[in-house]
Amino acid sequence: MAEGSDGLTIAMKNPLYTKIICGGFCPFYRAGKEDLTCGTYNFLVGIVTAAELKVAVREIKAVSDLFCDAEIKKFICRQCDFLIDGCDFRAGTGSRSCGGHTIVSGLMRKSLIPFGLGEQ
């Protein structure tokens, strides 16, 4: 990983995860920005394979789900470069949550990710 000129961490995304997380769920995703990752993207890549994720998200809708939001913010979002640089969702602009947040929240709602994220 390296730091880009805008201060965001640069980590090349895996195209399989990018298609599922960013392409399928994130309202902020723009093609050509594959070098930028959010905290929830990094979290999901670290705990589940792309094949498992593809199956797990089938019933999750691409809408903001605030289930366990405080826990997600505390253990994942606070480490996200976009939170530091100006996350539209956290800034209260009425924007939807990022794709990773939507997925993590949905997986927690389905009990596929346990509560106590910070204890892992």
N, C-alpha and C. Protein backbone atom coordinates (compact mmCIF):
# COMPACT_ATOMS: atom_id res chain seq x y z
N MET A 1 0.85 -1.18 0.00
CA MET A 1 0.00 0.00 0.00
C MET A 1 0.89 1.24 0.00
N ALA A 2 0.37 2.27 -0.59
CA ALA A 2 1.07 3.54 -0.66
C ALA A 2 0.06 4.66 -0.47
N GLU A 3 0.57 5.86 -0.25
CA GLU A 3 -0.33 7.00 -0.09
C GLU A 3 -0.34 7.81 -1.37
N GLY A 4 -1.53 8.08 -1.87
CA GLY A 4 -1.69 8.86 -3.09
C GLY A 4 -1.55 10.35 -2.81
N SER A 5 -1.55 11.13 -3.87
CA SER A 5 -1.39 12.57 -3.74
C SER A 5 -2.54 13.22 -2.98
N ASP A 6 -3.68 12.55 -2.94
CA ASP A 6 -4.82 13.09 -2.21
C ASP A 6 -4.85 12.62 -0.76
N GLY A 7 -3.83 11.85 -0.33
CA GLY A 7 -3.74 11.40 1.05
C GLY A 7 -4.45 10.10 1.32
N LEU A 8 -5.15 9.54 0.33
CA LEU A 8 -5.87 8.28 0.54
C LEU A 8 -4.93 7.11 0.32
N THR A 9 -5.15 6.04 1.06
CA THR A 9 -4.33 4.85 0.90
C THR A 9 -4.62 4.19 -0.44
N ILE A 10 -3.58 3.84 -1.13
CA ILE A 10 -3.72 3.19 -2.42
C ILE A 10 -3.43 1.70 -2.24
N ALA A 11 -4.38 0.87 -2.59
CA ALA A 11 -4.22 -0.58 -2.55
C ALA A 11 -4.98 -1.12 -3.75
N MET A 12 -4.30 -1.82 -4.61
CA MET A 12 -4.98 -2.31 -5.80
C MET A 12 -6.10 -3.26 -5.40
N LYS A 13 -7.26 -3.00 -5.92
CA LYS A 13 -8.43 -3.81 -5.61
C LYS A 13 -8.40 -5.10 -6.41
N ASN A 14 -8.97 -6.12 -5.82
CA ASN A 14 -9.18 -7.38 -6.51
C ASN A 14 -10.44 -7.20 -7.34
N PRO A 15 -10.38 -7.45 -8.65
CA PRO A 15 -11.55 -7.21 -9.50
C PRO A 15 -12.80 -7.99 -9.09
N LEU A 16 -12.63 -9.17 -8.51
CA LEU A 16 -13.79 -9.95 -8.07
C LEU A 16 -14.51 -9.26 -6.91
N TYR A 17 -13.75 -8.81 -5.92
CA TYR A 17 -14.34 -8.09 -4.78
C TYR A 17 -14.92 -6.76 -5.24
N THR A 18 -14.20 -6.08 -6.13
CA THR A 18 -14.65 -4.77 -6.60
C THR A 18 -16.01 -4.88 -7.29
N LYS A 19 -16.18 -5.90 -8.11
CA LYS A 19 -17.46 -6.10 -8.80
C LYS A 19 -18.59 -6.31 -7.79
N ILE A 20 -18.34 -7.11 -6.76
CA ILE A 20 -19.38 -7.42 -5.77
C ILE A 20 -19.65 -6.23 -4.86
N ILE A 21 -18.61 -5.72 -4.22
CA ILE A 21 -18.77 -4.68 -3.19
C ILE A 21 -19.04 -3.31 -3.82
N CYS A 22 -18.15 -2.88 -4.66
CA CYS A 22 -18.24 -1.53 -5.22
C CYS A 22 -19.27 -1.44 -6.35
N GLY A 23 -19.12 -2.30 -7.33
CA GLY A 23 -20.02 -2.26 -8.48
C GLY A 23 -21.46 -2.60 -8.13
N GLY A 24 -21.63 -3.50 -7.19
CA GLY A 24 -22.98 -3.94 -6.84
C GLY A 24 -23.67 -3.14 -5.75
N PHE A 25 -22.90 -2.45 -4.90
CA PHE A 25 -23.51 -1.82 -3.74
C PHE A 25 -23.13 -0.36 -3.48
N CYS A 26 -22.03 0.11 -4.01
CA CYS A 26 -21.53 1.42 -3.59
C CYS A 26 -21.98 2.57 -4.50
N PRO A 27 -22.70 3.54 -3.94
CA PRO A 27 -23.14 4.69 -4.74
C PRO A 27 -21.99 5.63 -5.09
N PHE A 28 -20.85 5.48 -4.44
CA PHE A 28 -19.70 6.36 -4.67
C PHE A 28 -18.73 5.79 -5.71
N TYR A 29 -18.90 4.53 -6.06
CA TYR A 29 -17.96 3.86 -6.96
C TYR A 29 -17.98 4.45 -8.36
N ARG A 30 -16.80 4.68 -8.88
CA ARG A 30 -16.63 5.14 -10.25
C ARG A 30 -15.56 4.27 -10.90
N ALA A 31 -15.84 3.73 -12.06
CA ALA A 31 -14.85 2.94 -12.79
C ALA A 31 -13.60 3.79 -12.99
N GLY A 32 -12.46 3.15 -12.89
CA GLY A 32 -11.20 3.86 -13.03
C GLY A 32 -10.60 4.28 -11.70
N LYS A 33 -11.33 4.07 -10.61
CA LYS A 33 -10.84 4.41 -9.27
C LYS A 33 -10.50 3.13 -8.50
N GLU A 34 -10.04 2.11 -9.21
CA GLU A 34 -9.79 0.82 -8.60
C GLU A 34 -8.63 0.83 -7.60
N ASP A 35 -7.92 1.94 -7.50
CA ASP A 35 -6.81 2.01 -6.57
C ASP A 35 -7.24 2.53 -5.20
N LEU A 36 -8.49 2.94 -5.03
CA LEU A 36 -8.97 3.45 -3.75
C LEU A 36 -9.84 2.40 -3.05
N THR A 37 -9.60 2.22 -1.76
CA THR A 37 -10.41 1.28 -0.99
C THR A 37 -10.93 1.95 0.26
N CYS A 38 -12.11 1.51 0.70
CA CYS A 38 -12.66 2.02 1.95
C CYS A 38 -12.39 1.01 3.05
N GLY A 39 -12.65 1.39 4.28
CA GLY A 39 -12.40 0.51 5.42
C GLY A 39 -13.20 -0.77 5.38
N THR A 40 -14.46 -0.70 4.96
CA THR A 40 -15.28 -1.91 4.93
C THR A 40 -14.87 -2.83 3.79
N TYR A 41 -14.39 -2.29 2.68
CA TYR A 41 -13.86 -3.12 1.60
C TYR A 41 -12.68 -3.92 2.14
N ASN A 42 -11.75 -3.24 2.79
CA ASN A 42 -10.56 -3.91 3.34
C ASN A 42 -10.96 -4.96 4.38
N PHE A 43 -11.94 -4.65 5.21
CA PHE A 43 -12.41 -5.59 6.22
C PHE A 43 -12.96 -6.86 5.55
N LEU A 44 -13.83 -6.69 4.55
CA LEU A 44 -14.44 -7.84 3.89
C LEU A 44 -13.40 -8.70 3.18
N VAL A 45 -12.45 -8.08 2.51
CA VAL A 45 -11.39 -8.83 1.84
C VAL A 45 -10.61 -9.67 2.84
N GLY A 46 -10.48 -9.16 4.05
CA GLY A 46 -9.72 -9.87 5.08
C GLY A 46 -10.45 -11.02 5.76
N ILE A 47 -11.78 -11.10 5.61
CA ILE A 47 -12.51 -12.14 6.35
C ILE A 47 -13.26 -13.15 5.50
N VAL A 48 -13.43 -12.88 4.20
CA VAL A 48 -14.25 -13.76 3.38
C VAL A 48 -13.68 -13.82 1.95
N THR A 49 -13.79 -14.99 1.33
CA THR A 49 -13.34 -15.10 -0.07
C THR A 49 -14.37 -14.43 -0.97
N ALA A 50 -13.96 -14.08 -2.17
CA ALA A 50 -14.88 -13.46 -3.12
C ALA A 50 -16.04 -14.40 -3.45
N ALA A 51 -15.75 -15.70 -3.55
CA ALA A 51 -16.81 -16.68 -3.85
C ALA A 51 -17.83 -16.74 -2.71
N GLU A 52 -17.35 -16.75 -1.47
CA GLU A 52 -18.26 -16.75 -0.31
C GLU A 52 -19.07 -15.47 -0.26
N LEU A 53 -18.43 -14.36 -0.54
CA LEU A 53 -19.11 -13.06 -0.50
C LEU A 53 -20.20 -12.99 -1.56
N LYS A 54 -19.91 -13.50 -2.74
CA LYS A 54 -20.89 -13.48 -3.83
C LYS A 54 -22.17 -14.21 -3.42
N VAL A 55 -22.03 -15.32 -2.73
CA VAL A 55 -23.19 -16.07 -2.26
C VAL A 55 -23.88 -15.34 -1.11
N ALA A 56 -23.09 -14.82 -0.18
CA ALA A 56 -23.64 -14.18 1.02
C ALA A 56 -24.45 -12.92 0.74
N VAL A 57 -24.13 -12.20 -0.33
CA VAL A 57 -24.81 -10.92 -0.58
C VAL A 57 -26.08 -11.06 -1.41
N ARG A 58 -26.41 -12.25 -1.81
CA ARG A 58 -27.57 -12.45 -2.70
C ARG A 58 -28.86 -11.84 -2.17
N GLU A 59 -29.08 -11.87 -0.89
CA GLU A 59 -30.34 -11.37 -0.33
C GLU A 59 -30.20 -9.98 0.29
N ILE A 60 -29.05 -9.36 0.14
CA ILE A 60 -28.84 -8.02 0.70
C ILE A 60 -29.21 -6.99 -0.36
N LYS A 61 -30.01 -6.02 0.03
CA LYS A 61 -30.44 -4.97 -0.89
C LYS A 61 -29.43 -3.81 -0.84
N ALA A 62 -29.22 -3.18 -1.97
CA ALA A 62 -28.27 -2.08 -2.08
C ALA A 62 -28.87 -0.77 -1.57
N VAL A 63 -29.26 -0.78 -0.30
CA VAL A 63 -29.77 0.42 0.37
C VAL A 63 -29.07 0.52 1.72
N SER A 64 -28.97 1.72 2.24
CA SER A 64 -28.33 1.89 3.54
C SER A 64 -29.08 1.11 4.61
N ASP A 65 -28.33 0.37 5.39
CA ASP A 65 -28.89 -0.41 6.49
C ASP A 65 -28.09 -0.01 7.72
N LEU A 66 -28.71 0.64 8.66
CA LEU A 66 -28.00 1.14 9.82
C LEU A 66 -27.90 0.13 10.96
N PHE A 67 -28.23 -1.12 10.67
CA PHE A 67 -28.12 -2.17 11.67
C PHE A 67 -26.66 -2.25 12.12
N CYS A 68 -26.45 -2.18 13.41
CA CYS A 68 -25.10 -2.24 14.01
C CYS A 68 -24.19 -1.11 13.55
N ASP A 69 -24.75 0.01 13.16
CA ASP A 69 -23.95 1.11 12.63
C ASP A 69 -22.90 1.60 13.62
N ALA A 70 -23.24 1.71 14.89
CA ALA A 70 -22.27 2.20 15.88
C ALA A 70 -21.06 1.27 15.96
N GLU A 71 -21.31 -0.03 15.90
CA GLU A 71 -20.21 -0.99 15.97
C GLU A 71 -19.36 -0.95 14.69
N ILE A 72 -20.02 -0.84 13.55
CA ILE A 72 -19.29 -0.75 12.28
C ILE A 72 -18.44 0.52 12.26
N LYS A 73 -19.00 1.62 12.71
CA LYS A 73 -18.25 2.88 12.74
C LYS A 73 -17.05 2.77 13.67
N LYS A 74 -17.26 2.19 14.84
CA LYS A 74 -16.19 2.10 15.83
C LYS A 74 -15.04 1.22 15.38
N PHE A 75 -15.35 0.07 14.81
CA PHE A 75 -14.30 -0.90 14.52
C PHE A 75 -13.83 -0.94 13.06
N ILE A 76 -14.59 -0.36 12.15
CA ILE A 76 -14.19 -0.41 10.74
C ILE A 76 -14.05 1.00 10.16
N CYS A 77 -15.11 1.78 10.24
CA CYS A 77 -15.12 3.10 9.60
C CYS A 77 -14.06 4.03 10.16
N ARG A 78 -13.78 3.96 11.42
CA ARG A 78 -12.80 4.89 12.00
C ARG A 78 -11.41 4.71 11.41
N GLN A 79 -11.17 3.57 10.76
CA GLN A 79 -9.89 3.31 10.11
C GLN A 79 -9.94 3.59 8.61
N CYS A 80 -11.06 4.07 8.14
CA CYS A 80 -11.25 4.30 6.71
C CYS A 80 -10.71 5.66 6.29
N ASP A 81 -9.94 5.67 5.21
CA ASP A 81 -9.39 6.93 4.70
C ASP A 81 -10.47 7.91 4.28
N PHE A 82 -11.60 7.40 3.82
CA PHE A 82 -12.67 8.29 3.38
C PHE A 82 -13.34 8.99 4.56
N LEU A 83 -13.36 8.36 5.73
CA LEU A 83 -13.93 9.01 6.91
C LEU A 83 -13.08 10.23 7.27
N ILE A 84 -11.80 10.05 7.24
CA ILE A 84 -10.87 11.13 7.56
C ILE A 84 -10.95 12.24 6.52
N ASP A 85 -11.10 11.85 5.26
CA ASP A 85 -11.08 12.80 4.15
C ASP A 85 -12.45 13.38 3.81
N GLY A 86 -13.50 12.89 4.47
CA GLY A 86 -14.82 13.43 4.21
C GLY A 86 -15.82 12.44 3.66
N CYS A 87 -16.25 11.52 4.47
CA CYS A 87 -17.25 10.52 4.09
C CYS A 87 -18.62 11.21 4.01
N ASP A 88 -19.23 11.21 2.83
CA ASP A 88 -20.53 11.87 2.66
C ASP A 88 -21.60 11.26 3.56
N PHE A 89 -21.57 9.95 3.74
CA PHE A 89 -22.54 9.27 4.59
C PHE A 89 -22.42 9.75 6.04
N ARG A 90 -21.21 9.78 6.56
CA ARG A 90 -20.98 10.21 7.95
C ARG A 90 -21.13 11.72 8.12
N ALA A 91 -20.97 12.48 7.05
CA ALA A 91 -21.07 13.94 7.13
C ALA A 91 -22.51 14.41 7.22
N GLY A 92 -23.46 13.48 7.07
CA GLY A 92 -24.87 13.85 7.20
C GLY A 92 -25.41 14.57 5.99
N THR A 93 -24.89 14.28 4.82
CA THR A 93 -25.36 14.94 3.60
C THR A 93 -26.59 14.26 3.01
N GLY A 94 -27.09 13.22 3.68
CA GLY A 94 -28.24 12.48 3.17
C GLY A 94 -27.83 11.39 2.19
N SER A 95 -26.54 11.17 2.06
CA SER A 95 -26.02 10.17 1.14
C SER A 95 -26.18 8.76 1.71
N ARG A 96 -26.28 7.79 0.81
CA ARG A 96 -26.31 6.38 1.23
C ARG A 96 -24.95 5.99 1.78
N SER A 97 -24.94 4.90 2.53
CA SER A 97 -23.67 4.38 3.02
C SER A 97 -22.91 3.74 1.87
N CYS A 98 -21.60 3.55 2.06
CA CYS A 98 -20.80 2.90 1.03
C CYS A 98 -21.22 1.44 0.89
N GLY A 99 -20.78 0.83 -0.19
CA GLY A 99 -21.16 -0.56 -0.45
C GLY A 99 -20.70 -1.52 0.61
N GLY A 100 -19.48 -1.33 1.09
CA GLY A 100 -18.95 -2.21 2.13
C GLY A 100 -19.77 -2.13 3.41
N HIS A 101 -20.16 -0.91 3.80
CA HIS A 101 -20.98 -0.73 5.00
C HIS A 101 -22.31 -1.45 4.83
N THR A 102 -22.92 -1.28 3.67
CA THR A 102 -24.21 -1.93 3.40
C THR A 102 -24.08 -3.44 3.52
N ILE A 103 -23.01 -3.99 2.97
CA ILE A 103 -22.81 -5.44 3.02
C ILE A 103 -22.52 -5.91 4.44
N VAL A 104 -21.61 -5.25 5.15
CA VAL A 104 -21.28 -5.66 6.53
C VAL A 104 -22.52 -5.60 7.40
N SER A 105 -23.30 -4.54 7.29
CA SER A 105 -24.52 -4.41 8.06
C SER A 105 -25.49 -5.54 7.73
N GLY A 106 -25.66 -5.83 6.44
CA GLY A 106 -26.54 -6.91 6.02
C GLY A 106 -26.08 -8.27 6.51
N LEU A 107 -24.77 -8.50 6.47
CA LEU A 107 -24.23 -9.78 6.95
C LEU A 107 -24.37 -9.91 8.47
N MET A 108 -24.24 -8.81 9.18
CA MET A 108 -24.44 -8.84 10.64
C MET A 108 -25.92 -9.11 10.94
N ARG A 109 -26.80 -8.49 10.19
CA ARG A 109 -28.24 -8.71 10.37
C ARG A 109 -28.59 -10.18 10.17
N LYS A 110 -27.90 -10.83 9.22
CA LYS A 110 -28.13 -12.25 8.93
C LYS A 110 -27.29 -13.17 9.84
N SER A 111 -26.57 -12.57 10.79
CA SER A 111 -25.69 -13.30 11.71
C SER A 111 -24.57 -14.06 11.00
N LEU A 112 -24.14 -13.55 9.85
CA LEU A 112 -23.03 -14.16 9.13
C LEU A 112 -21.69 -13.53 9.53
N ILE A 113 -21.76 -12.38 10.15
CA ILE A 113 -20.60 -11.75 10.79
C ILE A 113 -21.02 -11.54 12.24
N PRO A 114 -20.21 -12.01 13.18
CA PRO A 114 -20.60 -11.90 14.57
C PRO A 114 -20.51 -10.48 15.12
N PHE A 115 -21.27 -10.24 16.16
CA PHE A 115 -21.13 -8.99 16.88
C PHE A 115 -19.77 -9.02 17.57
N GLY A 116 -19.25 -7.88 17.93
CA GLY A 116 -17.93 -7.82 18.57
C GLY A 116 -16.83 -7.80 17.53
N LEU A 117 -17.00 -7.00 16.49
CA LEU A 117 -16.03 -6.92 15.41
C LEU A 117 -14.62 -6.65 15.92
N GLY A 118 -14.49 -5.80 16.90
CA GLY A 118 -13.19 -5.40 17.41
C GLY A 118 -12.48 -6.48 18.19
N GLU A 119 -13.17 -7.55 18.49
CA GLU A 119 -12.57 -8.62 19.28
C GLU A 119 -11.97 -9.70 18.41
N GLN A 120 -12.06 -9.56 17.08
CA GLN A 120 -11.54 -10.59 16.18
C GLN A 120 -10.06 -10.47 15.98
